[in-house]
Amino acid sequence: MANNVEKVISVKNLTKRFGNFTAVDHISFDVSKGEIFGFLGANGAGKTTAMRMLCGLSRPSDGDGQVAGCDIISQSEMIKTRIGYMSQKFSLYANLTVEENLRLFATIYGMTDSRIKTAADNIFQELGMENLRRSYVKDIPVGWRQKLAFATATIHRPEVVFLDEPTGGVDPVTRRKFWELIYKASSDGMTVFVTTHYLDEAEYCNRISIMVDGKISALDSPAALKEKYHASTIDEVFRIVANDAKRNE
């Protein structure tokens, strides 16, 4: 990464211990503004624990870092106002309408009524969801729920959005359409930090890291990693890098 590129995430020697077990072991990396950064690792590798520290949900045992200009130790509450988060389960309220979900999350993020209205109108127009405003979330297809979950995570225009396996359980066509939303967010300057078990999706990232047993064992662009490991796919790279992993959840 060039030195003059704005760093939105920067961590050095980030570590998390639980008793005698080191879940995250002195990892260091930077993520730049507008970058799509893939965070890969087998079960038990430590990626979920690392993401929780970056989101201000867990205090590091050692190391330091910043996310969206906030210190991950002393300003963890402030971090939560500057990021978005979306999980595989979408975190939506099934018995509320599409519009009510948007308004609820926007209010949680501290948006004013006028700003919420403008943002919601833009989202409905951009996503083609105008006719779903008053539909209950439980009644809309999974592909639309996925889009809505992304919209609720980004309605406040965060500097960084964390996507924790956001395409799990959806079909390939829906997954590909969801990545179009990610590309759009990235092109608008939003930084996207994404975990996924679909290694073909890692090909869509600007750079990826691969965690093994709490450490980052590989970090570069997909093309550079394939060249380094003489592989034709990221799946092959992952198998090579994670071949000696000793722990699983």
Protein backbone atom coordinates (compact mmCIF):
# COMPACT_ATOMS: atom_id res chain seq x y z
CA MET A 1 0.00 0.00 0.00
CA ALA A 2 1.37 3.41 -0.95
CA ASN A 3 2.28 5.69 1.96
CA ASN A 4 0.14 8.56 0.64
CA VAL A 5 -3.07 6.49 0.62
CA GLU A 6 -5.49 7.35 3.42
CA LYS A 7 -5.61 4.53 5.97
CA VAL A 8 -9.07 3.89 7.40
CA ILE A 9 -8.04 0.80 9.40
CA SER A 10 -4.58 0.44 10.87
CA VAL A 11 -3.56 -2.15 13.48
CA LYS A 12 -0.19 -3.19 14.85
CA ASN A 13 0.53 -6.31 16.89
CA LEU A 14 -3.17 -6.70 17.71
CA THR A 15 -3.55 -9.55 20.18
CA LYS A 16 -6.40 -11.18 22.10
CA ARG A 17 -5.88 -13.79 24.81
CA PHE A 18 -8.44 -15.81 26.72
CA GLY A 19 -6.53 -17.20 29.67
CA ASN A 20 -3.66 -19.23 28.23
CA PHE A 21 -5.23 -19.33 24.76
CA THR A 22 -4.15 -16.70 22.22
CA ALA A 23 -7.03 -16.27 19.77
CA VAL A 24 -5.40 -13.43 17.81
CA ASP A 25 -1.62 -13.38 17.82
CA HIS A 26 0.11 -10.04 17.06
CA ILE A 27 -1.49 -9.25 13.70
CA SER A 28 -0.64 -6.06 11.80
CA PHE A 29 -2.23 -4.61 8.65
CA ASP A 30 -3.66 -1.44 7.08
CA VAL A 31 -6.78 -0.95 4.97
CA SER A 32 -7.15 2.10 2.75
CA LYS A 33 -10.14 4.30 1.99
CA GLY A 34 -12.49 2.71 -0.53
CA GLU A 35 -10.71 -0.63 -0.44
CA ILE A 36 -12.52 -3.97 -0.47
CA PHE A 37 -10.52 -6.03 2.02
CA GLY A 38 -11.19 -9.75 2.33
CA PHE A 39 -10.53 -11.32 5.74
CA LEU A 40 -10.28 -15.08 5.31
CA GLY A 41 -9.57 -17.96 7.65
CA ALA A 42 -10.80 -21.40 8.57
CA ASN A 43 -13.01 -21.94 11.62
CA GLY A 44 -10.94 -21.20 14.71
CA ALA A 45 -8.43 -19.03 12.87
CA GLY A 46 -9.33 -15.95 14.94
CA LYS A 47 -10.96 -13.74 12.32
CA THR A 48 -14.23 -13.24 14.23
CA THR A 49 -12.33 -12.29 17.38
CA ALA A 50 -10.22 -9.84 15.38
CA MET A 51 -13.30 -8.27 13.80
CA ARG A 52 -14.92 -7.81 17.22
CA MET A 53 -11.88 -5.83 18.37
CA LEU A 54 -11.99 -3.66 15.25
CA CYS A 55 -15.68 -2.94 15.84
CA GLY A 56 -15.07 -1.83 19.41
CA LEU A 57 -16.87 -4.84 20.87
CA SER A 58 -13.84 -6.50 22.50
CA ARG A 59 -10.81 -4.96 24.20
CA PRO A 60 -7.41 -6.12 22.88
CA SER A 61 -5.01 -7.84 25.26
CA ASP A 62 -2.09 -6.19 23.51
CA GLY A 63 -1.25 -4.06 20.49
CA ASP A 64 -3.03 -0.99 19.19
CA GLY A 65 -4.88 0.37 16.21
CA GLN A 66 -7.34 2.82 14.75
CA VAL A 67 -10.59 2.40 12.85
CA ALA A 68 -12.20 5.41 11.12
CA GLY A 69 -9.90 7.75 13.01
CA CYS A 70 -10.77 6.28 16.44
CA ASP A 71 -8.47 4.44 18.81
CA ILE A 72 -9.75 0.89 19.27
CA ILE A 73 -8.94 0.93 22.99
CA SER A 74 -9.79 4.41 24.26
CA GLN A 75 -12.52 5.34 21.73
CA SER A 76 -14.35 2.05 21.21
CA GLU A 77 -17.79 3.65 21.67
CA MET A 78 -17.03 6.31 19.08
CA ILE A 79 -16.01 3.63 16.59
CA LYS A 80 -19.54 2.20 16.70
CA THR A 81 -20.96 5.49 15.38
CA ARG A 82 -18.57 5.57 12.41
CA ILE A 83 -18.92 2.03 11.11
CA GLY A 84 -21.64 -0.20 9.75
CA TYR A 85 -22.03 -3.92 10.45
CA MET A 86 -23.91 -6.66 8.65
CA SER A 87 -23.96 -10.33 9.61
CA GLN A 88 -25.06 -13.47 7.80
CA LYS A 89 -28.34 -13.42 9.77
CA PHE A 90 -29.05 -9.88 8.49
CA SER A 91 -30.17 -8.53 11.93
CA LEU A 92 -33.52 -7.36 10.57
CA TYR A 93 -36.87 -7.23 12.38
CA ALA A 94 -39.22 -9.57 10.52
CA ASN A 95 -42.42 -8.10 11.94
CA LEU A 96 -41.55 -4.53 10.93
CA THR A 97 -41.94 -3.16 7.44
CA VAL A 98 -39.01 -2.44 5.16
CA GLU A 99 -39.32 1.29 5.82
CA GLU A 100 -39.67 0.79 9.57
CA ASN A 101 -36.44 -1.24 9.62
CA LEU A 102 -34.59 1.50 7.79
CA ARG A 103 -35.91 4.18 10.13
CA LEU A 104 -35.12 2.13 13.24
CA PHE A 105 -31.47 1.57 12.32
CA ALA A 106 -31.05 5.15 11.13
CA THR A 107 -32.38 6.39 14.48
CA ILE A 108 -29.96 4.12 16.34
CA TYR A 109 -27.15 5.72 14.35
CA GLY A 110 -28.35 9.15 15.49
CA MET A 111 -29.70 10.46 12.18
CA THR A 112 -32.26 13.29 12.17
CA ASP A 113 -35.76 12.78 10.77
CA SER A 114 -35.08 14.92 7.71
CA ARG A 115 -31.84 13.12 6.97
CA ILE A 116 -33.53 9.75 7.43
CA LYS A 117 -36.27 10.65 4.93
CA THR A 118 -33.78 11.77 2.30
CA ALA A 119 -31.55 8.73 2.81
CA ALA A 120 -34.47 6.29 2.75
CA ASP A 121 -35.93 7.82 -0.43
CA ASN A 122 -32.52 7.52 -2.12
CA ILE A 123 -32.13 3.91 -1.02
CA PHE A 124 -35.57 2.88 -2.27
CA GLN A 125 -34.85 4.50 -5.61
CA GLU A 126 -31.33 3.10 -6.01
CA LEU A 127 -32.32 -0.44 -5.04
CA GLY A 128 -35.65 -0.47 -6.85
CA MET A 129 -37.52 -1.17 -3.60
CA GLU A 130 -40.11 1.61 -3.77
CA ASN A 131 -43.01 -0.84 -3.97
CA LEU A 132 -41.70 -2.72 -0.90
CA ARG A 133 -41.75 0.20 1.53
CA ARG A 134 -44.74 -1.07 3.48
CA SER A 135 -44.07 -4.79 3.06
CA TYR A 136 -43.17 -6.76 6.16
CA VAL A 137 -39.62 -8.10 6.08
CA LYS A 138 -40.87 -11.64 6.76
CA ASP A 139 -42.83 -11.48 3.48
CA ILE A 140 -40.07 -10.39 1.09
CA PRO A 141 -37.62 -12.73 -0.72
CA VAL A 142 -34.20 -13.42 0.80
CA GLY A 143 -32.43 -11.45 -1.92
CA TRP A 144 -34.36 -8.32 -1.00
CA ARG A 145 -33.77 -8.94 2.70
CA GLN A 146 -30.06 -9.12 1.97
CA LYS A 147 -30.16 -5.78 0.14
CA LEU A 148 -32.18 -4.25 2.96
CA ALA A 149 -29.68 -5.48 5.55
CA PHE A 150 -26.86 -3.82 3.63
CA ALA A 151 -28.92 -0.62 3.39
CA THR A 152 -29.58 -0.56 7.15
CA ALA A 153 -25.85 -1.06 7.80
CA THR A 154 -24.85 1.82 5.52
CA ILE A 155 -27.75 4.29 5.67
CA HIS A 156 -25.66 6.63 7.86
CA ARG A 157 -22.82 6.58 5.30
CA PRO A 158 -20.16 5.06 7.58
CA GLU A 159 -16.48 5.27 6.71
CA VAL A 160 -16.19 1.49 7.08
CA VAL A 161 -18.73 -1.29 6.75
CA PHE A 162 -17.94 -4.70 8.23
CA LEU A 163 -19.63 -7.60 6.44
CA ASP A 164 -19.47 -10.87 8.37
CA GLU A 165 -20.22 -13.68 5.89
CA PRO A 166 -23.01 -11.59 4.32
CA THR A 167 -23.76 -14.00 1.47
CA GLY A 168 -24.10 -17.21 3.46
CA GLY A 169 -27.12 -19.26 2.50
CA VAL A 170 -28.06 -17.40 -0.69
CA ASP A 171 -27.85 -18.62 -4.28
CA PRO A 172 -24.97 -17.68 -6.63
CA VAL A 173 -27.01 -15.17 -8.64
CA THR A 174 -28.10 -13.34 -5.49
CA ARG A 175 -24.52 -13.40 -4.22
CA ARG A 176 -23.26 -11.82 -7.43
CA LYS A 177 -25.92 -9.09 -7.30
CA PHE A 178 -24.97 -8.37 -3.70
CA TRP A 179 -21.36 -7.84 -4.75
CA GLU A 180 -22.59 -5.14 -7.11
CA LEU A 181 -23.74 -3.24 -4.00
CA ILE A 182 -20.29 -3.72 -2.48
CA TYR A 183 -18.60 -2.37 -5.62
CA LYS A 184 -20.91 0.66 -5.59
CA ALA A 185 -20.15 1.40 -1.94
CA SER A 186 -16.42 1.07 -2.59
CA SER A 187 -16.57 3.36 -5.62
CA ASP A 188 -18.31 5.94 -3.42
CA GLY A 189 -15.33 5.87 -1.05
CA MET A 190 -16.66 3.51 1.61
CA THR A 191 -14.17 0.95 2.92
CA VAL A 192 -15.51 -2.62 2.90
CA PHE A 193 -14.10 -5.21 5.31
CA VAL A 194 -15.60 -8.60 4.48
CA THR A 195 -15.29 -12.15 5.75
CA THR A 196 -16.51 -15.00 3.58
CA HIS A 197 -16.31 -18.78 3.29
CA TYR A 198 -16.90 -18.54 -0.47
CA LEU A 199 -13.35 -18.36 -1.75
CA ASP A 200 -14.47 -17.39 -5.25
CA GLU A 201 -15.71 -14.14 -3.66
CA ALA A 202 -12.20 -13.40 -2.46
CA GLU A 203 -11.31 -12.86 -6.11
CA TYR A 204 -13.54 -9.75 -6.04
CA CYS A 205 -11.51 -8.09 -3.26
CA ASN A 206 -8.70 -5.59 -3.81
CA ARG A 207 -6.62 -7.42 -1.23
CA ILE A 208 -7.13 -10.40 1.05
CA SER A 209 -5.54 -11.69 4.21
CA ILE A 210 -5.56 -15.33 5.30
CA MET A 211 -5.46 -16.07 9.02
CA VAL A 212 -4.10 -19.36 10.30
CA ASP A 213 -4.03 -20.20 14.02
CA GLY A 214 -4.40 -16.58 15.07
CA LYS A 215 -1.75 -15.15 12.75
CA ILE A 216 -1.95 -13.54 9.32
CA SER A 217 -0.11 -16.02 7.11
CA ALA A 218 -0.70 -14.30 3.75
CA LEU A 219 -1.75 -10.80 2.71
CA ASP A 220 -1.79 -9.33 -0.81
CA SER A 221 -3.96 -8.89 -3.88
CA PRO A 222 -5.60 -12.06 -5.23
CA ALA A 223 -3.43 -11.91 -8.35
CA ALA A 224 -0.21 -11.52 -6.38
CA LEU A 225 -1.08 -14.39 -4.04
CA LYS A 226 -1.92 -16.71 -6.92
CA GLU A 227 1.39 -15.85 -8.54
CA LYS A 228 3.33 -16.33 -5.30
CA TYR A 229 1.85 -19.75 -4.59
CA HIS A 230 1.71 -20.86 -8.25
CA ALA A 231 -2.06 -21.34 -7.99
CA SER A 232 -4.88 -20.69 -10.43
CA THR A 233 -7.53 -19.85 -7.81
CA ILE A 234 -7.71 -18.36 -4.31
CA ASP A 235 -9.18 -21.70 -3.19
CA GLU A 236 -5.85 -23.31 -4.10
CA VAL A 237 -3.94 -20.54 -2.33
CA PHE A 238 -6.04 -21.02 0.79
CA ARG A 239 -5.45 -24.76 0.85
CA ILE A 240 -1.71 -24.24 0.59
CA VAL A 241 -1.53 -21.50 3.23
CA ALA A 242 -3.91 -23.17 5.71
CA ASN A 243 -2.62 -26.69 5.15
CA ASP A 244 -0.80 -26.82 8.49
CA ALA A 245 -3.55 -25.23 10.60
CA LYS A 246 -3.70 -26.88 14.00
CA ARG A 247 -6.91 -25.58 15.49
CA ASN A 248 -10.60 -25.58 14.55
CA GLU A 249 -13.74 -24.34 16.25
